[in-house]
PDB file of N, CA and C in Angstrom:
ATOM      1  N   MET A   1     -41.358  26.513  45.071  1.00  0.00           N
ATOM      2  CA  MET A   1     -40.650  25.286  45.014  1.00  0.00           C
ATOM      3  C   MET A   1     -41.164  24.367  43.914  1.00  0.00           C
ATOM      4  N   THR A   2     -42.411  24.553  43.555  1.00  0.00           N
ATOM      5  CA  THR A   2     -43.015  23.742  42.521  1.00  0.00           C
ATOM      6  C   THR A   2     -42.349  23.991  41.180  1.00  0.00           C
ATOM      7  N   ASN A   3     -42.029  25.243  40.905  1.00  0.00           N
ATOM      8  CA  ASN A   3     -41.348  25.567  39.648  1.00  0.00           C
ATOM      9  C   ASN A   3     -39.971  24.917  39.595  1.00  0.00           C
ATOM     10  N   THR A   4     -39.262  24.909  40.716  1.00  0.00           N
ATOM     11  CA  THR A   4     -37.939  24.296  40.767  1.00  0.00           C
ATOM     12  C   THR A   4     -38.043  22.793  40.560  1.00  0.00           C
ATOM     13  N   THR A   5     -39.005  22.179  41.192  1.00  0.00           N
ATOM     14  CA  THR A   5     -39.210  20.737  41.043  1.00  0.00           C
ATOM     15  C   THR A   5     -39.589  20.412  39.602  1.00  0.00           C
ATOM     16  N   THR A   6     -40.469  21.192  39.024  1.00  0.00           N
ATOM     17  CA  THR A   6     -40.889  20.968  37.643  1.00  0.00           C
ATOM     18  C   THR A   6     -39.711  21.124  36.691  1.00  0.00           C
ATOM     19  N   THR A   7     -38.909  22.172  36.924  1.00  0.00           N
ATOM     20  CA  THR A   7     -37.733  22.409  36.083  1.00  0.00           C
ATOM     21  C   THR A   7     -36.732  21.276  36.236  1.00  0.00           C
ATOM     22  N   THR A   8     -36.519  20.829  37.463  1.00  0.00           N
ATOM     23  CA  THR A   8     -35.576  19.732  37.712  1.00  0.00           C
ATOM     24  C   THR A   8     -36.059  18.458  37.031  1.00  0.00           C
ATOM     25  N   ASN A   9     -37.338  18.177  37.159  1.00  0.00           N
ATOM     26  CA  ASN A   9     -37.884  16.972  36.510  1.00  0.00           C
ATOM     27  C   ASN A   9     -37.784  17.070  34.994  1.00  0.00           C
ATOM     28  N   ALA A  10     -38.038  18.259  34.459  1.00  0.00           N
ATOM     29  CA  ALA A  10     -37.931  18.456  33.014  1.00  0.00           C
ATOM     30  C   ALA A  10     -36.486  18.260  32.560  1.00  0.00           C
ATOM     31  N   ALA A  11     -35.538  18.772  33.330  1.00  0.00           N
ATOM     32  CA  ALA A  11     -34.120  18.607  32.995  1.00  0.00           C
ATOM     33  C   ALA A  11     -33.730  17.137  33.045  1.00  0.00           C
ATOM     34  N   LYS A  12     -34.250  16.424  34.049  1.00  0.00           N
ATOM     35  CA  LYS A  12     -33.957  14.986  34.142  1.00  0.00           C
ATOM     36  C   LYS A  12     -34.542  14.242  32.942  1.00  0.00           C
ATOM     37  N   ASP A  13     -35.749  14.631  32.545  1.00  0.00           N
ATOM     38  CA  ASP A  13     -36.372  13.990  31.383  1.00  0.00           C
ATOM     39  C   ASP A  13     -35.564  14.238  30.109  1.00  0.00           C
ATOM     40  N   VAL A  14     -35.112  15.474  29.938  1.00  0.00           N
ATOM     41  CA  VAL A  14     -34.291  15.805  28.772  1.00  0.00           C
ATOM     42  C   VAL A  14     -32.985  15.016  28.810  1.00  0.00           C
ATOM     43  N   ALA A  15     -32.360  14.941  29.984  1.00  0.00           N
ATOM     44  CA  ALA A  15     -31.104  14.195  30.117  1.00  0.00           C
ATOM     45  C   ALA A  15     -31.322  12.720  29.806  1.00  0.00           C
ATOM     46  N   ASN A  16     -32.426  12.165  30.277  1.00  0.00           N
ATOM     47  CA  ASN A  16     -32.728  10.753  29.990  1.00  0.00           C
ATOM     48  C   ASN A  16     -32.974  10.546  28.500  1.00  0.00           C
ATOM     49  N   ASP A  17     -33.711  11.480  27.878  1.00  0.00           N
ATOM     50  CA  ASP A  17     -33.951  11.383  26.441  1.00  0.00           C
ATOM     51  C   ASP A  17     -32.641  11.429  25.657  1.00  0.00           C
ATOM     52  N   ILE A  18     -31.774  12.339  26.044  1.00  0.00           N
ATOM     53  CA  ILE A  18     -30.477  12.462  25.363  1.00  0.00           C
ATOM     54  C   ILE A  18     -29.657  11.188  25.561  1.00  0.00           C
ATOM     55  N   THR A  19     -29.652  10.662  26.778  1.00  0.00           N
ATOM     56  CA  THR A  19     -28.909   9.429  27.065  1.00  0.00           C
ATOM     57  C   THR A  19     -29.422   8.289  26.201  1.00  0.00           C
ATOM     58  N   ASN A  20     -30.736   8.177  26.096  1.00  0.00           N
ATOM     59  CA  ASN A  20     -31.322   7.109  25.273  1.00  0.00           C
ATOM     60  C   ASN A  20     -30.979   7.296  23.798  1.00  0.00           C
ATOM     61  N   ASP A  21     -31.049   8.547  23.321  1.00  0.00           N
ATOM     62  CA  ASP A  21     -30.709   8.817  21.927  1.00  0.00           C
ATOM     63  C   ASP A  21     -29.258   8.470  21.629  1.00  0.00           C
ATOM     64  N   VAL A  22     -28.376   8.846  22.544  1.00  0.00           N
ATOM     65  CA  VAL A  22     -26.946   8.547  22.355  1.00  0.00           C
ATOM     66  C   VAL A  22     -26.724   7.041  22.354  1.00  0.00           C
ATOM     67  N   ALA A  23     -27.397   6.329  23.247  1.00  0.00           N
ATOM     68  CA  ALA A  23     -27.247   4.872  23.301  1.00  0.00           C
ATOM     69  C   ALA A  23     -27.738   4.224  22.005  1.00  0.00           C
ATOM     70  N   GLU A  24     -28.875   4.699  21.492  1.00  0.00           N
ATOM     71  CA  GLU A  24     -29.403   4.152  20.239  1.00  0.00           C
ATOM     72  C   GLU A  24     -28.464   4.450  19.074  1.00  0.00           C
ATOM     73  N   THR A  25     -27.976   5.682  19.016  1.00  0.00           N
ATOM     74  CA  THR A  25     -27.071   6.078  17.937  1.00  0.00           C
ATOM     75  C   THR A  25     -25.776   5.290  18.005  1.00  0.00           C
ATOM     76  N   SER A  26     -25.241   5.094  19.197  1.00  0.00           N
ATOM     77  CA  SER A  26     -24.006   4.318  19.359  1.00  0.00           C
ATOM     78  C   SER A  26     -24.203   2.893  18.884  1.00  0.00           C
ATOM     79  N   GLY A  27     -25.357   2.317  19.257  1.00  0.00           N
ATOM     80  CA  GLY A  27     -25.634   0.951  18.815  1.00  0.00           C
ATOM     81  C   GLY A  27     -25.744   0.870  17.307  1.00  0.00           C
ATOM     82  N   THR A  28     -26.413   1.835  16.705  1.00  0.00           N
ATOM     83  CA  THR A  28     -26.566   1.862  15.251  1.00  0.00           C
ATOM     84  C   THR A  28     -25.213   2.019  14.560  1.00  0.00           C
ATOM     85  N   LEU A  29     -24.396   2.926  15.079  1.00  0.00           N
ATOM     86  CA  LEU A  29     -23.072   3.129  14.487  1.00  0.00           C
ATOM     87  C   LEU A  29     -22.209   1.882  14.624  1.00  0.00           C
ATOM     88  N   ALA A  30     -22.290   1.231  15.773  1.00  0.00           N
ATOM     89  CA  ALA A  30     -21.508   0.013  15.972  1.00  0.00           C
ATOM     90  C   ALA A  30     -21.954  -1.075  15.003  1.00  0.00           C
ATOM     91  N   GLU A  31     -23.267  -1.182  14.794  1.00  0.00           N
ATOM     92  CA  GLU A  31     -23.769  -2.180  13.844  1.00  0.00           C
ATOM     93  C   GLU A  31     -23.306  -1.876  12.427  1.00  0.00           C
ATOM     94  N   LYS A  32     -23.359  -0.605  12.037  1.00  0.00           N
ATOM     95  CA  LYS A  32     -22.909  -0.216  10.699  1.00  0.00           C
ATOM     96  C   LYS A  32     -21.417  -0.467  10.526  1.00  0.00           C
ATOM     97  N   ALA A  33     -20.636  -0.134  11.544  1.00  0.00           N
ATOM     98  CA  ALA A  33     -19.193  -0.354  11.469  1.00  0.00           C
ATOM     99  C   ALA A  33     -18.888  -1.838  11.366  1.00  0.00           C
ATOM    100  N   SER A  34     -19.605  -2.643  12.116  1.00  0.00           N
ATOM    101  CA  SER A  34     -19.394  -4.085  12.079  1.00  0.00           C
ATOM    102  C   SER A  34     -19.737  -4.647  10.702  1.00  0.00           C
ATOM    103  N   ALA A  35     -20.830  -4.183  10.125  1.00  0.00           N
ATOM    104  CA  ALA A  35     -21.225  -4.649   8.795  1.00  0.00           C
ATOM    105  C   ALA A  35     -20.215  -4.213   7.741  1.00  0.00           C
ATOM    106  N   THR A  36     -19.738  -2.987   7.859  1.00  0.00           N
ATOM    107  CA  THR A  36     -18.737  -2.484   6.914  1.00  0.00           C
ATOM    108  C   THR A  36     -17.447  -3.289   7.025  1.00  0.00           C
ATOM    109  N   TYR A  37     -17.036  -3.580   8.248  1.00  0.00           N
ATOM    110  CA  TYR A  37     -15.824  -4.383   8.466  1.00  0.00           C
ATOM    111  C   TYR A  37     -15.987  -5.762   7.848  1.00  0.00           C
ATOM    112  N   ALA A  38     -17.134  -6.399   8.069  1.00  0.00           N
ATOM    113  CA  ALA A  38     -17.362  -7.735   7.520  1.00  0.00           C
ATOM    114  C   ALA A  38     -17.323  -7.708   5.990  1.00  0.00           C
ATOM    115  N   SER A  39     -17.926  -6.683   5.403  1.00  0.00           N
ATOM    116  CA  SER A  39     -17.928  -6.559   3.945  1.00  0.00           C
ATOM    117  C   SER A  39     -16.518  -6.349   3.408  1.00  0.00           C
ATOM    118  N   ALA A  40     -15.762  -5.477   4.059  1.00  0.00           N
ATOM    119  CA  ALA A  40     -14.381  -5.226   3.626  1.00  0.00           C
ATOM    120  C   ALA A  40     -13.533  -6.476   3.772  1.00  0.00           C
ATOM    121  N   LYS A  41     -13.737  -7.204   4.857  1.00  0.00           N
ATOM    122  CA  LYS A  41     -12.977  -8.441   5.081  1.00  0.00           C
ATOM    123  C   LYS A  41     -13.269  -9.447   3.972  1.00  0.00           C
ATOM    124  N   ASP A  42     -14.553  -9.583   3.603  1.00  0.00           N
ATOM    125  CA  ASP A  42     -14.914 -10.505   2.523  1.00  0.00           C
ATOM    126  C   ASP A  42     -14.303 -10.066   1.200  1.00  0.00           C
ATOM    127  N   SER A  43     -14.318  -8.772   0.925  1.00  0.00           N
ATOM    128  CA  SER A  43     -13.749  -8.260  -0.331  1.00  0.00           C
ATOM    129  C   SER A  43     -12.249  -8.529  -0.403  1.00  0.00           C
ATOM    130  N   VAL A  44     -11.558  -8.300   0.699  1.00  0.00           N
ATOM    131  CA  VAL A  44     -10.110  -8.536   0.726  1.00  0.00           C
ATOM    132  C   VAL A  44      -9.811 -10.023   0.576  1.00  0.00           C
ATOM    133  N   SER A  45     -10.598 -10.865   1.224  1.00  0.00           N
ATOM    134  CA  SER A  45     -10.390 -12.309   1.102  1.00  0.00           C
ATOM    135  C   SER A  45     -10.603 -12.768  -0.337  1.00  0.00           C
ATOM    136  N   ASP A  46     -11.653 -12.238  -0.974  1.00  0.00           N
ATOM    137  CA  ASP A  46     -11.908 -12.601  -2.373  1.00  0.00           C
ATOM    138  C   ASP A  46     -10.769 -12.146  -3.279  1.00  0.00           C
ATOM    139  N   ALA A  47     -10.302 -10.923  -3.074  1.00  0.00           N
ATOM    140  CA  ALA A  47      -9.207 -10.394  -3.891  1.00  0.00           C
ATOM    141  C   ALA A  47      -7.939 -11.211  -3.685  1.00  0.00           C
ATOM    142  N   ALA A  48      -7.668 -11.601  -2.450  1.00  0.00           N
ATOM    143  CA  ALA A  48      -6.476 -12.404  -2.173  1.00  0.00           C
ATOM    144  C   ALA A  48      -6.567 -13.764  -2.852  1.00  0.00           C
ATOM    145  N   ALA A  49      -7.738 -14.369  -2.818  1.00  0.00           N
ATOM    146  CA  ALA A  49      -7.919 -15.670  -3.471  1.00  0.00           C
ATOM    147  C   ALA A  49      -7.738 -15.548  -4.985  1.00  0.00           C
ATOM    148  N   LYS A  50      -8.297 -14.501  -5.577  1.00  0.00           N
ATOM    149  CA  LYS A  50      -8.142 -14.295  -7.025  1.00  0.00           C
ATOM    150  C   LYS A  50      -6.679 -14.054  -7.385  1.00  0.00           C
ATOM    151  N   SER A  51      -5.974 -13.265  -6.566  1.00  0.00           N
ATOM    152  CA  SER A  51      -4.555 -12.996  -6.819  1.00  0.00           C
ATOM    153  C   SER A  51      -3.741 -14.278  -6.714  1.00  0.00           C
ATOM    154  N   ARG A  52      -4.034 -15.070  -5.695  1.00  0.00           N
ATOM    155  CA  ARG A  52      -3.314 -16.328  -5.499  1.00  0.00           C
ATOM    156  C   ARG A  52      -3.521 -17.235  -6.707  1.00  0.00           C
ATOM    157  N   ASP A  53      -4.769 -17.314  -7.195  1.00  0.00           N
ATOM    158  CA  ASP A  53      -5.060 -18.147  -8.358  1.00  0.00           C
ATOM    159  C   ASP A  53      -4.342 -17.634  -9.610  1.00  0.00           C
ATOM    160  N   ALA A  54      -4.315 -16.310  -9.779  1.00  0.00           N
ATOM    161  CA  ALA A  54      -3.661 -15.727 -10.953  1.00  0.00           C
ATOM    162  C   ALA A  54      -2.156 -15.990 -10.929  1.00  0.00           C
ATOM    163  N   VAL A  55      -1.541 -15.837  -9.765  1.00  0.00           N
ATOM    164  CA  VAL A  55      -0.099 -16.070  -9.652  1.00  0.00           C
ATOM    165  C   VAL A  55       0.212 -17.546  -9.890  1.00  0.00           C
ATOM    166  N   SER A  56      -0.605 -18.421  -9.345  1.00  0.00           N
ATOM    167  CA  SER A  56      -0.400 -19.859  -9.551  1.00  0.00           C
ATOM    168  C   SER A  56      -0.525 -20.215 -11.024  1.00  0.00           C
ATOM    169  N   SER A  57      -1.523 -19.657 -11.677  1.00  0.00           N
ATOM    170  CA  SER A  57      -1.725 -19.917 -13.106  1.00  0.00           C
ATOM    171  C   SER A  57      -0.549 -19.396 -13.931  1.00  0.00           C
ATOM    172  N   ALA A  58      -0.081 -18.198 -13.605  1.00  0.00           N
ATOM    173  CA  ALA A  58       1.055 -17.625 -14.334  1.00  0.00           C
ATOM    174  C   ALA A  58       2.318 -18.461 -14.127  1.00  0.00           C
ATOM    175  N   ALA A  59       2.522 -18.935 -12.907  1.00  0.00           N
ATOM    176  CA  ALA A  59       3.704 -19.757 -12.633  1.00  0.00           C
ATOM    177  C   ALA A  59       3.649 -21.065 -13.417  1.00  0.00           C
ATOM    178  N   LYS A  60       2.469 -21.692 -13.472  1.00  0.00           N
ATOM    179  CA  LYS A  60       2.326 -22.936 -14.232  1.00  0.00           C
ATOM    180  C   LYS A  60       2.564 -22.686 -15.717  1.00  0.00           C
ATOM    181  N   SER A  61       2.011 -21.603 -16.226  1.00  0.00           N
ATOM    182  CA  SER A  61       2.179 -21.267 -17.639  1.00  0.00           C
ATOM    183  C   SER A  61       3.648 -21.017 -17.967  1.00  0.00           C
ATOM    184  N   THR A  62       4.330 -20.302 -17.081  1.00  0.00           N
ATOM    185  CA  THR A  62       5.752 -20.025 -17.298  1.00  0.00           C
ATOM    186  C   THR A  62       6.559 -21.316 -17.285  1.00  0.00           C
ATOM    187  N   ALA A  63       6.273 -22.184 -16.334  1.00  0.00           N
ATOM    188  CA  ALA A  63       6.996 -23.458 -16.249  1.00  0.00           C
ATOM    189  C   ALA A  63       6.779 -24.290 -17.513  1.00  0.00           C
ATOM    190  N   GLU A  64       5.535 -24.312 -18.011  1.00  0.00           N
ATOM    191  CA  GLU A  64       5.254 -25.073 -19.230  1.00  0.00           C
ATOM    192  C   GLU A  64       5.983 -24.487 -20.432  1.00  0.00           C
ATOM    193  N   THR A  65       6.035 -23.161 -20.519  1.00  0.00           N
ATOM    194  CA  THR A  65       6.716 -22.502 -21.626  1.00  0.00           C
ATOM    195  C   THR A  65       8.210 -22.781 -21.580  1.00  0.00           C
ATOM    196  N   VAL A  66       8.790 -22.735 -20.396  1.00  0.00           N
ATOM    197  CA  VAL A  66      10.225 -23.009 -20.250  1.00  0.00           C
ATOM    198  C   VAL A  66      10.529 -24.442 -20.671  1.00  0.00           C
ATOM    199  N   LYS A  67       9.683 -25.372 -20.264  1.00  0.00           N
ATOM    200  CA  LYS A  67       9.898 -26.779 -20.642  1.00  0.00           C
ATOM    201  C   LYS A  67       9.746 -26.971 -22.146  1.00  0.00           C
ATOM    202  N   ALA A  68       8.822 -26.256 -22.758  1.00  0.00           N
ATOM    203  CA  ALA A  68       8.570 -26.418 -24.193  1.00  0.00           C
ATOM    204  C   ALA A  68       9.638 -25.749 -25.053  1.00  0.00           C
ATOM    205  N   HIS A  69      10.276 -24.686 -24.531  1.00  0.00           N
ATOM    206  CA  HIS A  69      11.253 -23.929 -25.317  1.00  0.00           C
ATOM    207  C   HIS A  69      12.509 -23.637 -24.492  1.00  0.00           C
ATOM    208  N   PRO A  70      13.302 -24.662 -24.180  1.00  0.00           N
ATOM    209  CA  PRO A  70      14.477 -24.436 -23.327  1.00  0.00           C
ATOM    210  C   PRO A  70      15.537 -23.552 -23.991  1.00  0.00           C
ATOM    211  N   GLY A  71      15.696 -23.656 -25.291  1.00  0.00           N
ATOM    212  CA  GLY A  71      16.704 -22.839 -25.986  1.00  0.00           C
ATOM    213  C   GLY A  71      16.345 -21.362 -25.953  1.00  0.00           C
ATOM    214  N   ALA A  72      15.091 -21.068 -26.240  1.00  0.00           N
ATOM    215  CA  ALA A  72      14.647 -19.675 -26.211  1.00  0.00           C
ATOM    216  C   ALA A  72      14.735 -19.119 -24.794  1.00  0.00           C
ATOM    217  N   THR A  73      14.413 -19.944 -23.824  1.00  0.00           N
ATOM    218  CA  THR A  73      14.493 -19.504 -22.429  1.00  0.00           C
ATOM    219  C   THR A  73      15.922 -19.156 -22.061  1.00  0.00           C
ATOM    220  N   ALA A  74      16.855 -20.009 -22.458  1.00  0.00           N
ATOM    221  CA  ALA A  74      18.270 -19.749 -22.168  1.00  0.00           C
ATOM    222  C   ALA A  74      18.726 -18.451 -22.837  1.00  0.00           C
ATOM    223  N   ALA A  75      18.284 -18.220 -24.067  1.00  0.00           N
ATOM    224  CA  ALA A  75      18.666 -16.992 -24.768  1.00  0.00           C
ATOM    225  C   ALA A  75      18.098 -15.757 -24.065  1.00  0.00           C
ATOM    226  N   ILE A  76      16.866 -15.843 -23.623  1.00  0.00           N
ATOM    227  CA  ILE A  76      16.250 -14.717 -22.916  1.00  0.00           C
ATOM    228  C   ILE A  76      16.977 -14.440 -21.613  1.00  0.00           C
ATOM    229  N   VAL A  77      17.303 -15.490 -20.877  1.00  0.00           N
ATOM    230  CA  VAL A  77      18.020 -15.319 -19.607  1.00  0.00           C
ATOM    231  C   VAL A  77      19.393 -14.710 -19.857  1.00  0.00           C
ATOM    232  N   ALA A  78      20.087 -15.188 -20.891  1.00  0.00           N
ATOM    233  CA  ALA A  78      21.415 -14.653 -21.203  1.00  0.00           C
ATOM    234  C   ALA A  78      21.308 -13.177 -21.605  1.00  0.00           C
ATOM    235  N   GLY A  79      20.300 -12.838 -22.401  1.00  0.00           N
ATOM    236  CA  GLY A  79      20.111 -11.443 -22.806  1.00  0.00           C
ATOM    237  C   GLY A  79      19.799 -10.548 -21.620  1.00  0.00           C
ATOM    238  N   ALA A  80      18.967 -11.026 -20.725  1.00  0.00           N
ATOM    239  CA  ALA A  80      18.635 -10.237 -19.536  1.00  0.00           C
ATOM    240  C   ALA A  80      19.863 -10.048 -18.662  1.00  0.00           C
ATOM    241  N   ALA A  81      20.646 -11.101 -18.506  1.00  0.00           N
ATOM    242  CA  ALA A  81      21.867 -11.000 -17.701  1.00  0.00           C
ATOM    243  C   ALA A  81      22.844 -10.002 -18.321  1.00  0.00           C
ATOM    244  N   ALA A  82      22.983 -10.034 -19.649  1.00  0.00           N
ATOM    245  CA  ALA A  82      23.876  -9.096 -20.329  1.00  0.00           C
ATOM    246  C   ALA A  82      23.379  -7.658 -20.161  1.00  0.00           C
ATOM    247  N   ALA A  83      22.075  -7.458 -20.252  1.00  0.00           N
ATOM    248  CA  ALA A  83      21.524  -6.109 -20.083  1.00  0.00           C
ATOM    249  C   ALA A  83      21.763  -5.591 -18.675  1.00  0.00           C
ATOM    250  N   ILE A  84      21.579  -6.445 -17.692  1.00  0.00           N
ATOM    251  CA  ILE A  84      21.804  -6.045 -16.299  1.00  0.00           C
ATOM    252  C   ILE A  84      23.284  -5.743 -16.071  1.00  0.00           C
ATOM    253  N   ALA A  85      24.147  -6.599 -16.607  1.00  0.00           N
ATOM    254  CA  ALA A  85      25.587  -6.375 -16.449  1.00  0.00           C
ATOM    255  C   ALA A  85      26.003  -5.076 -17.127  1.00  0.00           C
ATOM    256  N   GLY A  86      25.463  -4.807 -18.315  1.00  0.00           N
ATOM    257  CA  GLY A  86      25.783  -3.571 -19.022  1.00  0.00           C
ATOM    258  C   GLY A  86      25.321  -2.343 -18.259  1.00  0.00           C
ATOM    259  N   ALA A  87      24.140  -2.420 -17.688  1.00  0.00           N
ATOM    260  CA  ALA A  87      23.623  -1.302 -16.907  1.00  0.00           C
ATOM    261  C   ALA A  87      24.477  -1.073 -15.663  1.00  0.00           C
ATOM    262  N   ALA A  88      24.889  -2.147 -15.018  1.00  0.00           N
ATOM    263  CA  ALA A  88      25.730  -2.021 -13.824  1.00  0.00           C
ATOM    264  C   ALA A  88      27.091  -1.424 -14.194  1.00  0.00           C
ATOM    265  N   PHE A  89      27.654  -1.870 -15.319  1.00  0.00           N
ATOM    266  CA  PHE A  89      28.945  -1.346 -15.761  1.00  0.00           C
ATOM    267  C   PHE A  89      28.830   0.145 -16.077  1.00  0.00           C
ATOM    268  N   GLY A  90      27.772   0.504 -16.810  1.00  0.00           N
ATOM    269  CA  GLY A  90      27.570   1.916 -17.158  1.00  0.00           C
ATOM    270  C   GLY A  90      27.377   2.775 -15.915  1.00  0.00           C
ATOM    271  N   ALA A  91      26.639   2.281 -14.957  1.00  0.00           N
ATOM    272  CA  ALA A  91      26.410   3.029 -13.718  1.00  0.00           C
ATOM    273  C   ALA A  91      27.713   3.202 -12.947  1.00  0.00           C
ATOM    274  N   SER A  92      28.545   2.162 -12.926  1.00  0.00           N
ATOM    275  CA  SER A  92      29.813   2.274 -12.198  1.00  0.00           C
ATOM    276  C   SER A  92      30.729   3.296 -12.878  1.00  0.00           C
ATOM    277  N   LYS A  93      30.711   3.362 -14.215  1.00  0.00           N
ATOM    278  CA  LYS A  93      31.529   4.346 -14.924  1.00  0.00           C
ATOM    279  C   LYS A  93      31.039   5.762 -14.642  1.00  0.00           C
ATOM    280  N   LEU A  94      29.729   5.963 -14.627  1.00  0.00           N
ATOM    281  CA  LEU A  94      29.182   7.274 -14.310  1.00  0.00           C
ATOM    282  C   LEU A  94      29.543   7.700 -12.892  1.00  0.00           C
ATOM    283  N   MET A  95      29.469   6.764 -11.960  1.00  0.00           N
ATOM    284  CA  MET A  95      29.818   7.082 -10.569  1.00  0.00           C
ATOM    285  C   MET A  95      31.302   7.413 -10.455  1.00  0.00           C
ATOM    286  N   GLU A  96      32.139   6.683 -11.218  1.00  0.00           N
ATOM    287  CA  GLU A  96      33.583   6.938 -11.192  1.00  0.00           C
ATOM    288  C   GLU A  96      33.879   8.344 -11.726  1.00  0.00           C
ATOM    289  N   LYS A  97      33.224   8.731 -12.825  1.00  0.00           N
ATOM    290  CA  LYS A  97      33.429  10.070 -13.377  1.00  0.00           C
ATOM    291  C   LYS A  97      32.964  11.150 -12.405  1.00  0.00           C
ATOM    292  N   LYS A  98      31.869  10.889 -11.703  1.00  0.00           N
ATOM    293  CA  LYS A  98      31.376  11.868 -10.732  1.00  0.00           C
ATOM    294  C   LYS A  98      32.359  12.017  -9.573  1.00  0.00           C
ATOM    295  N   ARG A  99      32.912  10.906  -9.115  1.00  0.00           N
ATOM    296  CA  ARG A  99      33.909  10.977  -8.027  1.00  0.00           C
ATOM    297  C   ARG A  99      35.138  11.762  -8.461  1.00  0.00           C
ATOM    298  N   GLU A 100      35.583  11.528  -9.698  1.00  0.00           N
ATOM    299  CA  GLU A 100      36.743  12.254 -10.207  1.00  0.00           C
ATOM    300  C   GLU A 100      36.438  13.751 -10.320  1.00  0.00           C
ATOM    301  N   ALA A 101      35.251  14.079 -10.788  1.00  0.00           N
ATOM    302  CA  ALA A 101      34.865  15.487 -10.923  1.00  0.00           C
ATOM    303  C   ALA A 101      34.773  16.146  -9.549  1.00  0.00           C
ATOM    304  N   ASP A 102      34.269  15.429  -8.567  1.00  0.00           N
ATOM    305  CA  ASP A 102      34.167  15.977  -7.215  1.00  0.00           C
ATOM    306  C   ASP A 102      35.544  16.148  -6.572  1.00  0.00           C
ATOM    307  N   ALA A 103      36.488  15.272  -6.958  1.00  0.00           N
ATOM    308  CA  ALA A 103      37.824  15.333  -6.359  1.00  0.00           C
ATOM    309  C   ALA A 103      38.674  16.437  -6.980  1.00  0.00           C
ATOM    310  N   THR A 104      38.363  16.863  -8.195  1.00  0.00           N
ATOM    311  CA  THR A 104      39.121  17.917  -8.855  1.00  0.00           C
ATOM    312  C   THR A 104      38.868  19.232  -8.127  1.00  0.00           C
ATOM    313  N   PRO A 105      39.968  19.919  -7.702  1.00  0.00           N
ATOM    314  CA  PRO A 105      39.771  21.177  -6.971  1.00  0.00           C
ATOM    315  C   PRO A 105      39.170  22.235  -7.876  1.00  0.00           C
ATOM    316  N   LYS A 106      38.305  22.999  -7.328  1.00  0.00           N
ATOM    317  CA  LYS A 106      37.656  24.077  -8.073  1.00  0.00           C
ATOM    318  C   LYS A 106      38.483  25.356  -7.862  1.00  0.00           C
ATOM    319  N   VAL A 107      39.165  25.755  -8.907  1.00  0.00           N
ATOM    320  CA  VAL A 107      40.021  26.958  -8.826  1.00  0.00           C
ATOM    321  C   VAL A 107      39.305  28.078  -9.528  1.00  0.00           C
ATOM    322  N   PRO A 108      39.053  29.177  -8.826  1.00  0.00           N
ATOM    323  CA  PRO A 108      38.384  30.284  -9.500  1.00  0.00           C
ATOM    324  C   PRO A 108      39.338  30.923 -10.504  1.00  0.00           C
ATOM    325  N   PRO A 109      38.804  31.457 -11.588  1.00  0.00           N
ATOM    326  CA  PRO A 109      39.684  32.102 -12.574  1.00  0.00           C
ATOM    327  C   PRO A 109      40.366  33.294 -11.927  1.00  0.00           C
ATOM    328  N   SER A 110      41.646  33.480 -12.321  1.00  0.00           N
ATOM    329  CA  SER A 110      42.407  34.603 -11.731  1.00  0.00           C
ATOM    330  C   SER A 110      41.919  35.909 -12.315  1.00  0.00           C
ATOM    331  N   ALA A 111      41.889  36.894 -11.460  1.00  0.00           N
ATOM    332  CA  ALA A 111      41.442  38.204 -11.900  1.00  0.00           C
ATOM    333  C   ALA A 111      42.654  38.942 -12.475  1.00  0.00           C
ATOM    334  N   THR A 112      42.735  39.054 -13.779  1.00  0.00           N
ATOM    335  CA  THR A 112      43.836  39.767 -14.409  1.00  0.00           C
ATOM    336  C   THR A 112      43.362  40.889 -15.263  1.00  0.00           C
TER     337      THR A 112
END
């Protein structure tokens, strides 16, 4: 019976050691994950602030340029509108030709 008791106690000791190791490892992993999350959160916040500042600066610069050169701005807007309209017109013509081609019956050549 002594061998059984010794074996049982040894198994309990091993189980306790494993439990303690798992608890320590879990705590360490949780701490690392928390630190990584905090670092990532700070990085994203910094990037968002920099992006916000860049967009604000670009918007101010654009507004100043438009105010300084209203004629050139109008010409650019008109040119862009014409390009978009031309692209839309060309696309509609291509789609119309495709519809016509699809509607034309496909007749196999006669075997003569």
